Amino acid sequence: IAREVGVDPSKINYVAFRGGGEAIAAILGGNVTIGGSGYSEFSEYIAS
């Protein structure tokens, strides 16, 4: 995405988590700006 919009991909601030549970907690807690994962992992939180 960064590359497509003209941003140096090496400059993105990516926060890696060891599992989906950790990533979900970080997103819900506002500790990251934007989160990504398989749709199934986020579906219940999107629905709610």
ModelCIF file with pLDDT and N, C-alpha, C, O atoms, coordinates in Angstrom:
data_MODEL
#
_entry.id   MODEL 
#
_entity.id                         1 
_entity.type                       polymer 
_entity.pdbx_number_of_molecules   1 
#
_entity_poly.entity_id                      1 
_entity_poly.type                           'polypeptide(L)' 
_entity_poly.nstd_linkage                   no 
_entity_poly.nstd_monomer                   no 
_entity_poly.pdbx_seq_one_letter_code       IAREVGVDPSKINYVAFRGGGEAIAAILGGNVTIGGSGYSEFSEYIAS 
_entity_poly.pdbx_seq_one_letter_code_can   IAREVGVDPSKINYVAFRGGGEAIAAILGGNVTIGGSGYSEFSEYIAS 
_entity_poly.pdbx_strand_id                 A 
#
loop_
_entity_poly_seq.entity_id 
_entity_poly_seq.num 
_entity_poly_seq.mon_id 
_entity_poly_seq.hetero 
1 1  ILE n 
1 2  ALA n 
1 3  ARG n 
1 4  GLU n 
1 5  VAL n 
1 6  GLY n 
1 7  VAL n 
1 8  ASP n 
1 9  PRO n 
1 10 SER n 
1 11 LYS n 
1 12 ILE n 
1 13 ASN n 
1 14 TYR n 
1 15 VAL n 
1 16 ALA n 
1 17 PHE n 
1 18 ARG n 
1 19 GLY n 
1 20 GLY n 
1 21 GLY n 
1 22 GLU n 
1 23 ALA n 
1 24 ILE n 
1 25 ALA n 
1 26 ALA n 
1 27 ILE n 
1 28 LEU n 
1 29 GLY n 
1 30 GLY n 
1 31 ASN n 
1 32 VAL n 
1 33 THR n 
1 34 ILE n 
1 35 GLY n 
1 36 GLY n 
1 37 SER n 
1 38 GLY n 
1 39 TYR n 
1 40 SER n 
1 41 GLU n 
1 42 PHE n 
1 43 SER n 
1 44 GLU n 
1 45 TYR n 
1 46 ILE n 
1 47 ALA n 
1 48 SER n 
#
_struct_asym.id          A 
_struct_asym.entity_id   1 
#
loop_
_ma_qa_metric.id 
_ma_qa_metric.mode 
_ma_qa_metric.name 
_ma_qa_metric.software_group_id 
_ma_qa_metric.type 
1 global pLDDT . pLDDT 
2 local  pLDDT . pLDDT 
#
_ma_qa_metric_global.metric_id      1 
_ma_qa_metric_global.metric_value   92.54 
_ma_qa_metric_global.model_id       1 
_ma_qa_metric_global.ordinal_id     1 
#
loop_
_ma_qa_metric_local.label_asym_id 
_ma_qa_metric_local.label_comp_id 
_ma_qa_metric_local.label_seq_id 
_ma_qa_metric_local.metric_id 
_ma_qa_metric_local.metric_value 
_ma_qa_metric_local.model_id 
_ma_qa_metric_local.ordinal_id 
A ILE 1  2 97.00 1 1  
A ALA 2  2 96.00 1 2  
A ARG 3  2 94.00 1 3  
A GLU 4  2 96.00 1 4  
A VAL 5  2 97.00 1 5  
A GLY 6  2 97.00 1 6  
A VAL 7  2 96.00 1 7  
A ASP 8  2 95.00 1 8  
A PRO 9  2 93.00 1 9  
A SER 10 2 91.00 1 10 
A LYS 11 2 94.00 1 11 
A ILE 12 2 95.00 1 12 
A ASN 13 2 97.00 1 13 
A TYR 14 2 96.00 1 14 
A VAL 15 2 96.00 1 15 
A ALA 16 2 91.00 1 16 
A PHE 17 2 87.00 1 17 
A ARG 18 2 74.00 1 18 
A GLY 19 2 70.00 1 19 
A GLY 20 2 75.00 1 20 
A GLY 21 2 82.00 1 21 
A GLU 22 2 87.00 1 22 
A ALA 23 2 89.00 1 23 
A ILE 24 2 93.00 1 24 
A ALA 25 2 94.00 1 25 
A ALA 26 2 95.00 1 26 
A ILE 27 2 96.00 1 27 
A LEU 28 2 96.00 1 28 
A GLY 29 2 95.00 1 29 
A GLY 30 2 94.00 1 30 
A ASN 31 2 96.00 1 31 
A VAL 32 2 97.00 1 32 
A THR 33 2 98.00 1 33 
A ILE 34 2 98.00 1 34 
A GLY 35 2 97.00 1 35 
A GLY 36 2 96.00 1 36 
A SER 37 2 92.00 1 37 
A GLY 38 2 90.00 1 38 
A TYR 39 2 91.00 1 39 
A SER 40 2 88.00 1 40 
A GLU 41 2 89.00 1 41 
A PHE 42 2 93.00 1 42 
A SER 43 2 92.00 1 43 
A GLU 44 2 93.00 1 44 
A TYR 45 2 96.00 1 45 
A ILE 46 2 96.00 1 46 
A ALA 47 2 95.00 1 47 
A SER 48 2 97.00 1 48 
#
loop_
_atom_site.group_PDB 
_atom_site.id 
_atom_site.type_symbol 
_atom_site.label_atom_id 
_atom_site.label_alt_id 
_atom_site.label_comp_id 
_atom_site.label_asym_id 
_atom_site.label_entity_id 
_atom_site.label_seq_id 
_atom_site.pdbx_PDB_ins_code 
_atom_site.Cartn_x 
_atom_site.Cartn_y 
_atom_site.Cartn_z 
_atom_site.occupancy 
_atom_site.B_iso_or_equiv 
_atom_site.pdbx_formal_charge 
_atom_site.auth_seq_id 
_atom_site.auth_comp_id 
_atom_site.auth_asym_id 
_atom_site.auth_atom_id 
_atom_site.pdbx_PDB_model_num 
ATOM 1   N N  . ILE A 1 1  ? 0.842   -1.198  0.000  1.00 97.00 ? 1  ILE A N  1 
ATOM 2   C CA . ILE A 1 1  ? 0.000   0.000   0.000  1.00 97.00 ? 1  ILE A CA 1 
ATOM 3   C C  . ILE A 1 1  ? 0.878   1.249   0.000  1.00 97.00 ? 1  ILE A C  1 
ATOM 4   O O  . ILE A 1 1  ? 0.655   2.180   -0.774 1.00 97.00 ? 1  ILE A O  1 
ATOM 5   N N  . ALA A 1 2  ? 1.884   1.254   0.885  1.00 96.00 ? 2  ALA A N  1 
ATOM 6   C CA . ALA A 1 2  ? 2.798   2.403   0.952  1.00 96.00 ? 2  ALA A CA 1 
ATOM 7   C C  . ALA A 1 2  ? 3.445   2.655   -0.406 1.00 96.00 ? 2  ALA A C  1 
ATOM 8   O O  . ALA A 1 2  ? 3.492   3.787   -0.887 1.00 96.00 ? 2  ALA A O  1 
ATOM 9   N N  . ARG A 1 3  ? 3.934   1.600   -1.004 1.00 94.00 ? 3  ARG A N  1 
ATOM 10  C CA . ARG A 1 3  ? 4.604   1.732   -2.300 1.00 94.00 ? 3  ARG A CA 1 
ATOM 11  C C  . ARG A 1 3  ? 3.654   2.278   -3.368 1.00 94.00 ? 3  ARG A C  1 
ATOM 12  O O  . ARG A 1 3  ? 4.034   3.116   -4.185 1.00 94.00 ? 3  ARG A O  1 
ATOM 13  N N  . GLU A 1 4  ? 2.419   1.788   -3.345 1.00 96.00 ? 4  GLU A N  1 
ATOM 14  C CA . GLU A 1 4  ? 1.426   2.209   -4.350 1.00 96.00 ? 4  GLU A CA 1 
ATOM 15  C C  . GLU A 1 4  ? 1.056   3.680   -4.219 1.00 96.00 ? 4  GLU A C  1 
ATOM 16  O O  . GLU A 1 4  ? 0.722   4.321   -5.215 1.00 96.00 ? 4  GLU A O  1 
ATOM 17  N N  . VAL A 1 5  ? 1.110   4.227   -3.001 1.00 97.00 ? 5  VAL A N  1 
ATOM 18  C CA . VAL A 1 5  ? 0.703   5.628   -2.806 1.00 97.00 ? 5  VAL A CA 1 
ATOM 19  C C  . VAL A 1 5  ? 1.905   6.568   -2.759 1.00 97.00 ? 5  VAL A C  1 
ATOM 20  O O  . VAL A 1 5  ? 1.773   7.748   -2.437 1.00 97.00 ? 5  VAL A O  1 
ATOM 21  N N  . GLY A 1 6  ? 3.088   6.021   -3.088 1.00 97.00 ? 6  GLY A N  1 
ATOM 22  C CA . GLY A 1 6  ? 4.264   6.878   -3.206 1.00 97.00 ? 6  GLY A CA 1 
ATOM 23  C C  . GLY A 1 6  ? 5.065   7.078   -1.941 1.00 97.00 ? 6  GLY A C  1 
ATOM 24  O O  . GLY A 1 6  ? 5.839   8.030   -1.842 1.00 97.00 ? 6  GLY A O  1 
ATOM 25  N N  . VAL A 1 7  ? 4.890   6.184   -0.957 1.00 96.00 ? 7  VAL A N  1 
ATOM 26  C CA . VAL A 1 7  ? 5.636   6.279   0.298  1.00 96.00 ? 7  VAL A CA 1 
ATOM 27  C C  . VAL A 1 7  ? 6.685   5.164   0.317  1.00 96.00 ? 7  VAL A C  1 
ATOM 28  O O  . VAL A 1 7  ? 6.405   4.045   -0.113 1.00 96.00 ? 7  VAL A O  1 
ATOM 29  N N  . ASP A 1 8  ? 7.874   5.461   0.806  1.00 95.00 ? 8  ASP A N  1 
ATOM 30  C CA . ASP A 1 8  ? 8.941   4.468   0.917  1.00 95.00 ? 8  ASP A CA 1 
ATOM 31  C C  . ASP A 1 8  ? 8.485   3.362   1.875  1.00 95.00 ? 8  ASP A C  1 
ATOM 32  O O  . ASP A 1 8  ? 8.274   3.630   3.058  1.00 95.00 ? 8  ASP A O  1 
ATOM 33  N N  . PRO A 1 9  ? 8.326   2.110   1.381  1.00 93.00 ? 9  PRO A N  1 
ATOM 34  C CA . PRO A 1 9  ? 7.833   1.029   2.247  1.00 93.00 ? 9  PRO A CA 1 
ATOM 35  C C  . PRO A 1 9  ? 8.710   0.771   3.461  1.00 93.00 ? 9  PRO A C  1 
ATOM 36  O O  . PRO A 1 9  ? 8.226   0.303   4.492  1.00 93.00 ? 9  PRO A O  1 
ATOM 37  N N  . SER A 1 10 ? 9.993   1.071   3.344  1.00 91.00 ? 10 SER A N  1 
ATOM 38  C CA . SER A 1 10 ? 10.894  0.827   4.471  1.00 91.00 ? 10 SER A CA 1 
ATOM 39  C C  . SER A 1 10 ? 10.627  1.779   5.632  1.00 91.00 ? 10 SER A C  1 
ATOM 40  O O  . SER A 1 10 ? 11.131  1.564   6.735  1.00 91.00 ? 10 SER A O  1 
ATOM 41  N N  . LYS A 1 11 ? 9.835   2.833   5.397  1.00 94.00 ? 11 LYS A N  1 
ATOM 42  C CA . LYS A 1 11 ? 9.546   3.813   6.444  1.00 94.00 ? 11 LYS A CA 1 
ATOM 43  C C  . LYS A 1 11 ? 8.242   3.549   7.184  1.00 94.00 ? 11 LYS A C  1 
ATOM 44  O O  . LYS A 1 11 ? 7.895   4.289   8.105  1.00 94.00 ? 11 LYS A O  1 
ATOM 45  N N  . ILE A 1 12 ? 7.513   2.502   6.794  1.00 95.00 ? 12 ILE A N  1 
ATOM 46  C CA . ILE A 1 12 ? 6.260   2.240   7.508  1.00 95.00 ? 12 ILE A CA 1 
ATOM 47  C C  . ILE A 1 12 ? 6.564   1.774   8.924  1.00 95.00 ? 12 ILE A C  1 
ATOM 48  O O  . ILE A 1 12 ? 7.576   1.121   9.176  1.00 95.00 ? 12 ILE A O  1 
ATOM 49  N N  . ASN A 1 13 ? 5.678   2.118   9.833  1.00 97.00 ? 13 ASN A N  1 
ATOM 50  C CA . ASN A 1 13 ? 5.814   1.777   11.240 1.00 97.00 ? 13 ASN A CA 1 
ATOM 51  C C  . ASN A 1 13 ? 4.926   0.567   11.519 1.00 97.00 ? 13 ASN A C  1 
ATOM 52  O O  . ASN A 1 13 ? 3.753   0.704   11.867 1.00 97.00 ? 13 ASN A O  1 
ATOM 53  N N  . TYR A 1 14 ? 5.515   -0.625  11.358 1.00 96.00 ? 14 TYR A N  1 
ATOM 54  C CA . TYR A 1 14 ? 4.738   -1.857  11.507 1.00 96.00 ? 14 TYR A CA 1 
ATOM 55  C C  . TYR A 1 14 ? 5.016   -2.484  12.864 1.00 96.00 ? 14 TYR A C  1 
ATOM 56  O O  . TYR A 1 14 ? 6.169   -2.708  13.231 1.00 96.00 ? 14 TYR A O  1 
ATOM 57  N N  . VAL A 1 15 ? 3.943   -2.767  13.609 1.00 96.00 ? 15 VAL A N  1 
ATOM 58  C CA . VAL A 1 15 ? 4.059   -3.380  14.931 1.00 96.00 ? 15 VAL A CA 1 
ATOM 59  C C  . VAL A 1 15 ? 3.595   -4.827  14.819 1.00 96.00 ? 15 VAL A C  1 
ATOM 60  O O  . VAL A 1 15 ? 2.419   -5.098  14.575 1.00 96.00 ? 15 VAL A O  1 
ATOM 61  N N  . ALA A 1 16 ? 4.531   -5.747  15.000 1.00 91.00 ? 16 ALA A N  1 
ATOM 62  C CA . ALA A 1 16 ? 4.213   -7.177  14.855 1.00 91.00 ? 16 ALA A CA 1 
ATOM 63  C C  . ALA A 1 16 ? 3.782   -7.776  16.188 1.00 91.00 ? 16 ALA A C  1 
ATOM 64  O O  . ALA A 1 16 ? 4.368   -7.490  17.232 1.00 91.00 ? 16 ALA A O  1 
ATOM 65  N N  . PHE A 1 17 ? 2.743   -8.615  16.134 1.00 87.00 ? 17 PHE A N  1 
ATOM 66  C CA . PHE A 1 17 ? 2.267   -9.310  17.320 1.00 87.00 ? 17 PHE A CA 1 
ATOM 67  C C  . PHE A 1 17 ? 2.406   -10.812 17.118 1.00 87.00 ? 17 PHE A C  1 
ATOM 68  O O  . PHE A 1 17 ? 2.394   -11.296 15.986 1.00 87.00 ? 17 PHE A O  1 
ATOM 69  N N  . ARG A 1 18 ? 2.537   -11.543 18.212 1.00 74.00 ? 18 ARG A N  1 
ATOM 70  C CA . ARG A 1 18 ? 2.802   -12.975 18.124 1.00 74.00 ? 18 ARG A CA 1 
ATOM 71  C C  . ARG A 1 18 ? 1.545   -13.791 17.866 1.00 74.00 ? 18 ARG A C  1 
ATOM 72  O O  . ARG A 1 18 ? 1.636   -14.980 17.561 1.00 74.00 ? 18 ARG A O  1 
ATOM 73  N N  . GLY A 1 19 ? 0.396   -13.186 17.980 1.00 70.00 ? 19 GLY A N  1 
ATOM 74  C CA . GLY A 1 19 ? -0.844  -13.919 17.746 1.00 70.00 ? 19 GLY A CA 1 
ATOM 75  C C  . GLY A 1 19 ? -1.997  -12.969 17.524 1.00 70.00 ? 19 GLY A C  1 
ATOM 76  O O  . GLY A 1 19 ? -1.913  -11.780 17.834 1.00 70.00 ? 19 GLY A O  1 
ATOM 77  N N  . GLY A 1 20 ? -3.090  -13.514 16.975 1.00 75.00 ? 20 GLY A N  1 
ATOM 78  C CA . GLY A 1 20 ? -4.248  -12.682 16.690 1.00 75.00 ? 20 GLY A CA 1 
ATOM 79  C C  . GLY A 1 20 ? -4.854  -12.053 17.920 1.00 75.00 ? 20 GLY A C  1 
ATOM 80  O O  . GLY A 1 20 ? -5.361  -10.933 17.859 1.00 75.00 ? 20 GLY A O  1 
ATOM 81  N N  . GLY A 1 21 ? -4.810  -12.764 19.053 1.00 82.00 ? 21 GLY A N  1 
ATOM 82  C CA . GLY A 1 21 ? -5.369  -12.213 20.285 1.00 82.00 ? 21 GLY A CA 1 
ATOM 83  C C  . GLY A 1 21 ? -4.670  -10.940 20.710 1.00 82.00 ? 21 GLY A C  1 
ATOM 84  O O  . GLY A 1 21 ? -5.319  -9.981  21.129 1.00 82.00 ? 21 GLY A O  1 
ATOM 85  N N  . GLU A 1 22 ? -3.344  -10.922 20.605 1.00 87.00 ? 22 GLU A N  1 
ATOM 86  C CA . GLU A 1 22 ? -2.571  -9.729  20.966 1.00 87.00 ? 22 GLU A CA 1 
ATOM 87  C C  . GLU A 1 22 ? -2.879  -8.571  20.024 1.00 87.00 ? 22 GLU A C  1 
ATOM 88  O O  . GLU A 1 22 ? -3.030  -7.428  20.455 1.00 87.00 ? 22 GLU A O  1 
ATOM 89  N N  . ALA A 1 23 ? -2.971  -8.880  18.737 1.00 89.00 ? 23 ALA A N  1 
ATOM 90  C CA . ALA A 1 23 ? -3.262  -7.833  17.747 1.00 89.00 ? 23 ALA A CA 1 
ATOM 91  C C  . ALA A 1 23 ? -4.643  -7.232  17.984 1.00 89.00 ? 23 ALA A C  1 
ATOM 92  O O  . ALA A 1 23 ? -4.819  -6.016  17.907 1.00 89.00 ? 23 ALA A O  1 
ATOM 93  N N  . ILE A 1 24 ? -5.615  -8.080  18.271 1.00 93.00 ? 24 ILE A N  1 
ATOM 94  C CA . ILE A 1 24 ? -6.977  -7.608  18.520 1.00 93.00 ? 24 ILE A CA 1 
ATOM 95  C C  . ILE A 1 24 ? -7.006  -6.675  19.735 1.00 93.00 ? 24 ILE A C  1 
ATOM 96  O O  . ILE A 1 24 ? -7.638  -5.619  19.701 1.00 93.00 ? 24 ILE A O  1 
ATOM 97  N N  . ALA A 1 25 ? -6.320  -7.074  20.803 1.00 94.00 ? 25 ALA A N  1 
ATOM 98  C CA . ALA A 1 25 ? -6.281  -6.246  22.014 1.00 94.00 ? 25 ALA A CA 1 
ATOM 99  C C  . ALA A 1 25 ? -5.650  -4.886  21.729 1.00 94.00 ? 25 ALA A C  1 
ATOM 100 O O  . ALA A 1 25 ? -6.110  -3.863  22.237 1.00 94.00 ? 25 ALA A O  1 
ATOM 101 N N  . ALA A 1 26 ? -4.587  -4.878  20.908 1.00 95.00 ? 26 ALA A N  1 
ATOM 102 C CA . ALA A 1 26 ? -3.902  -3.621  20.579 1.00 95.00 ? 26 ALA A CA 1 
ATOM 103 C C  . ALA A 1 26 ? -4.794  -2.700  19.746 1.00 95.00 ? 26 ALA A C  1 
ATOM 104 O O  . ALA A 1 26 ? -4.795  -1.485  19.942 1.00 95.00 ? 26 ALA A O  1 
ATOM 105 N N  . ILE A 1 27 ? -5.543  -3.278  18.830 1.00 96.00 ? 27 ILE A N  1 
ATOM 106 C CA . ILE A 1 27 ? -6.439  -2.476  17.992 1.00 96.00 ? 27 ILE A CA 1 
ATOM 107 C C  . ILE A 1 27 ? -7.582  -1.911  18.825 1.00 96.00 ? 27 ILE A C  1 
ATOM 108 O O  . ILE A 1 27 ? -7.875  -0.717  18.759 1.00 96.00 ? 27 ILE A O  1 
ATOM 109 N N  . LEU A 1 28 ? -8.226  -2.770  19.607 1.00 96.00 ? 28 LEU A N  1 
ATOM 110 C CA . LEU A 1 28 ? -9.351  -2.320  20.434 1.00 96.00 ? 28 LEU A CA 1 
ATOM 111 C C  . LEU A 1 28 ? -8.916  -1.282  21.456 1.00 96.00 ? 28 LEU A C  1 
ATOM 112 O O  . LEU A 1 28 ? -9.689  -0.398  21.826 1.00 96.00 ? 28 LEU A O  1 
ATOM 113 N N  . GLY A 1 29 ? -7.658  -1.397  21.913 1.00 95.00 ? 29 GLY A N  1 
ATOM 114 C CA . GLY A 1 29 ? -7.148  -0.449  22.897 1.00 95.00 ? 29 GLY A CA 1 
ATOM 115 C C  . GLY A 1 29 ? -6.604  0.825   22.288 1.00 95.00 ? 29 GLY A C  1 
ATOM 116 O O  . GLY A 1 29 ? -6.155  1.712   23.013 1.00 95.00 ? 29 GLY A O  1 
ATOM 117 N N  . GLY A 1 30 ? -6.636  0.934   20.956 1.00 94.00 ? 30 GLY A N  1 
ATOM 118 C CA . GLY A 1 30 ? -6.130  2.129   20.290 1.00 94.00 ? 30 GLY A CA 1 
ATOM 119 C C  . GLY A 1 30 ? -4.624  2.261   20.338 1.00 94.00 ? 30 GLY A C  1 
ATOM 120 O O  . GLY A 1 30 ? -4.091  3.362   20.198 1.00 94.00 ? 30 GLY A O  1 
ATOM 121 N N  . ASN A 1 31 ? -3.923  1.136   20.535 1.00 96.00 ? 31 ASN A N  1 
ATOM 122 C CA . ASN A 1 31 ? -2.462  1.169   20.601 1.00 96.00 ? 31 ASN A CA 1 
ATOM 123 C C  . ASN A 1 31 ? -1.805  1.139   19.233 1.00 96.00 ? 31 ASN A C  1 
ATOM 124 O O  . ASN A 1 31 ? -0.598  1.355   19.118 1.00 96.00 ? 31 ASN A O  1 
ATOM 125 N N  . VAL A 1 32 ? -2.585  0.874   18.200 1.00 97.00 ? 32 VAL A N  1 
ATOM 126 C CA . VAL A 1 32 ? -2.105  0.985   16.821 1.00 97.00 ? 32 VAL A CA 1 
ATOM 127 C C  . VAL A 1 32 ? -3.116  1.823   16.044 1.00 97.00 ? 32 VAL A C  1 
ATOM 128 O O  . VAL A 1 32 ? -4.279  1.931   16.434 1.00 97.00 ? 32 VAL A O  1 
ATOM 129 N N  . THR A 1 33 ? -2.666  2.409   14.953 1.00 98.00 ? 33 THR A N  1 
ATOM 130 C CA . THR A 1 33 ? -3.548  3.258   14.149 1.00 98.00 ? 33 THR A CA 1 
ATOM 131 C C  . THR A 1 33 ? -4.516  2.424   13.333 1.00 98.00 ? 33 THR A C  1 
ATOM 132 O O  . THR A 1 33 ? -5.711  2.716   13.269 1.00 98.00 ? 33 THR A O  1 
ATOM 133 N N  . ILE A 1 34 ? -3.984  1.379   12.709 1.00 98.00 ? 34 ILE A N  1 
ATOM 134 C CA . ILE A 1 34 ? -4.751  0.548   11.793 1.00 98.00 ? 34 ILE A CA 1 
ATOM 135 C C  . ILE A 1 34 ? -4.283  -0.888  11.939 1.00 98.00 ? 34 ILE A C  1 
ATOM 136 O O  . ILE A 1 34 ? -3.092  -1.144  12.112 1.00 98.00 ? 34 ILE A O  1 
ATOM 137 N N  . GLY A 1 35 ? -5.211  -1.819  11.871 1.00 97.00 ? 35 GLY A N  1 
ATOM 138 C CA . GLY A 1 35 ? -4.852  -3.227  12.032 1.00 97.00 ? 35 GLY A CA 1 
ATOM 139 C C  . GLY A 1 35 ? -5.261  -4.048  10.835 1.00 97.00 ? 35 GLY A C  1 
ATOM 140 O O  . GLY A 1 35 ? -6.212  -3.712  10.129 1.00 97.00 ? 35 GLY A O  1 
ATOM 141 N N  . GLY A 1 36 ? -4.538  -5.122  10.612 1.00 96.00 ? 36 GLY A N  1 
ATOM 142 C CA . GLY A 1 36 ? -4.862  -6.005  9.511  1.00 96.00 ? 36 GLY A CA 1 
ATOM 143 C C  . GLY A 1 36 ? -4.780  -7.462  9.921  1.00 96.00 ? 36 GLY A C  1 
ATOM 144 O O  . GLY A 1 36 ? -3.942  -7.839  10.741 1.00 96.00 ? 36 GLY A O  1 
ATOM 145 N N  . SER A 1 37 ? -5.655  -8.283  9.346  1.00 92.00 ? 37 SER A N  1 
ATOM 146 C CA . SER A 1 37 ? -5.626  -9.725  9.584  1.00 92.00 ? 37 SER A CA 1 
ATOM 147 C C  . SER A 1 37 ? -6.645  -10.377 8.662  1.00 92.00 ? 37 SER A C  1 
ATOM 148 O O  . SER A 1 37 ? -7.320  -9.699  7.887  1.00 92.00 ? 37 SER A O  1 
ATOM 149 N N  . GLY A 1 38 ? -6.752  -11.712 8.754  1.00 90.00 ? 38 GLY A N  1 
ATOM 150 C CA . GLY A 1 38 ? -7.794  -12.404 8.007  1.00 90.00 ? 38 GLY A CA 1 
ATOM 151 C C  . GLY A 1 38 ? -9.162  -11.939 8.463  1.00 90.00 ? 38 GLY A C  1 
ATOM 152 O O  . GLY A 1 38 ? -9.363  -11.655 9.644  1.00 90.00 ? 38 GLY A O  1 
ATOM 153 N N  . TYR A 1 39 ? -10.102 -11.859 7.537  1.00 91.00 ? 39 TYR A N  1 
ATOM 154 C CA . TYR A 1 39 ? -11.416 -11.319 7.883  1.00 91.00 ? 39 TYR A CA 1 
ATOM 155 C C  . TYR A 1 39 ? -12.054 -12.081 9.042  1.00 91.00 ? 39 TYR A C  1 
ATOM 156 O O  . TYR A 1 39 ? -12.722 -11.481 9.885  1.00 91.00 ? 39 TYR A O  1 
ATOM 157 N N  . SER A 1 40 ? -11.855 -13.392 9.089  1.00 88.00 ? 40 SER A N  1 
ATOM 158 C CA . SER A 1 40 ? -12.494 -14.203 10.130 1.00 88.00 ? 40 SER A CA 1 
ATOM 159 C C  . SER A 1 40 ? -12.065 -13.785 11.533 1.00 88.00 ? 40 SER A C  1 
ATOM 160 O O  . SER A 1 40 ? -12.843 -13.896 12.480 1.00 88.00 ? 40 SER A O  1 
ATOM 161 N N  . GLU A 1 41 ? -10.830 -13.304 11.670 1.00 89.00 ? 41 GLU A N  1 
ATOM 162 C CA . GLU A 1 41 ? -10.324 -12.946 12.993 1.00 89.00 ? 41 GLU A CA 1 
ATOM 163 C C  . GLU A 1 41 ? -10.977 -11.678 13.541 1.00 89.00 ? 41 GLU A C  1 
ATOM 164 O O  . GLU A 1 41 ? -11.075 -11.502 14.756 1.00 89.00 ? 41 GLU A O  1 
ATOM 165 N N  . PHE A 1 42 ? -11.421 -10.802 12.652 1.00 93.00 ? 42 PHE A N  1 
ATOM 166 C CA . PHE A 1 42 ? -12.000 -9.522  13.070 1.00 93.00 ? 42 PHE A CA 1 
ATOM 167 C C  . PHE A 1 42 ? -13.521 -9.464  12.921 1.00 93.00 ? 42 PHE A C  1 
ATOM 168 O O  . PHE A 1 42 ? -14.146 -8.492  13.345 1.00 93.00 ? 42 PHE A O  1 
ATOM 169 N N  . SER A 1 43 ? -14.115 -10.486 12.327 1.00 92.00 ? 43 SER A N  1 
ATOM 170 C CA . SER A 1 43 ? -15.528 -10.398 11.926 1.00 92.00 ? 43 SER A CA 1 
ATOM 171 C C  . SER A 1 43 ? -16.464 -10.070 13.085 1.00 92.00 ? 43 SER A C  1 
ATOM 172 O O  . SER A 1 43 ? -17.374 -9.257  12.927 1.00 92.00 ? 43 SER A O  1 
ATOM 173 N N  . GLU A 1 44 ? -16.253 -10.697 14.262 1.00 93.00 ? 44 GLU A N  1 
ATOM 174 C CA . GLU A 1 44 ? -17.186 -10.442 15.367 1.00 93.00 ? 44 GLU A CA 1 
ATOM 175 C C  . GLU A 1 44 ? -17.054 -9.019  15.892 1.00 93.00 ? 44 GLU A C  1 
ATOM 176 O O  . GLU A 1 44 ? -18.031 -8.436  16.363 1.00 93.00 ? 44 GLU A O  1 
ATOM 177 N N  . TYR A 1 45 ? -15.850 -8.455  15.815 1.00 96.00 ? 45 TYR A N  1 
ATOM 178 C CA . TYR A 1 45 ? -15.629 -7.081  16.291 1.00 96.00 ? 45 TYR A CA 1 
ATOM 179 C C  . TYR A 1 45 ? -16.154 -6.061  15.281 1.00 96.00 ? 45 TYR A C  1 
ATOM 180 O O  . TYR A 1 45 ? -16.586 -4.969  15.651 1.00 96.00 ? 45 TYR A O  1 
ATOM 181 N N  . ILE A 1 46 ? -16.111 -6.432  14.014 1.00 96.00 ? 46 ILE A N  1 
ATOM 182 C CA . ILE A 1 46 ? -16.710 -5.582  12.978 1.00 96.00 ? 46 ILE A CA 1 
ATOM 183 C C  . ILE A 1 46 ? -18.229 -5.588  13.145 1.00 96.00 ? 46 ILE A C  1 
ATOM 184 O O  . ILE A 1 46 ? -18.878 -4.543  13.090 1.00 96.00 ? 46 ILE A O  1 
ATOM 185 N N  . ALA A 1 47 ? -18.781 -6.780  13.350 1.00 95.00 ? 47 ALA A N  1 
ATOM 186 C CA . ALA A 1 47 ? -20.241 -6.913  13.501 1.00 95.00 ? 47 ALA A CA 1 
ATOM 187 C C  . ALA A 1 47 ? -20.756 -6.151  14.725 1.00 95.00 ? 47 ALA A C  1 
ATOM 188 O O  . ALA A 1 47 ? -21.854 -5.595  14.697 1.00 95.00 ? 47 ALA A O  1 
ATOM 189 N N  . SER A 1 48 ? -19.959 -6.128  15.801 1.00 97.00 ? 48 SER A N  1 
ATOM 190 C CA . SER A 1 48 ? -20.389 -5.454  17.037 1.00 97.00 ? 48 SER A CA 1 
ATOM 191 C C  . SER A 1 48 ? -20.109 -3.954  17.020 1.00 97.00 ? 48 SER A C  1 
ATOM 192 O O  . SER A 1 48 ? -20.416 -3.258  17.988 1.00 97.00 ? 48 SER A O  1 
#
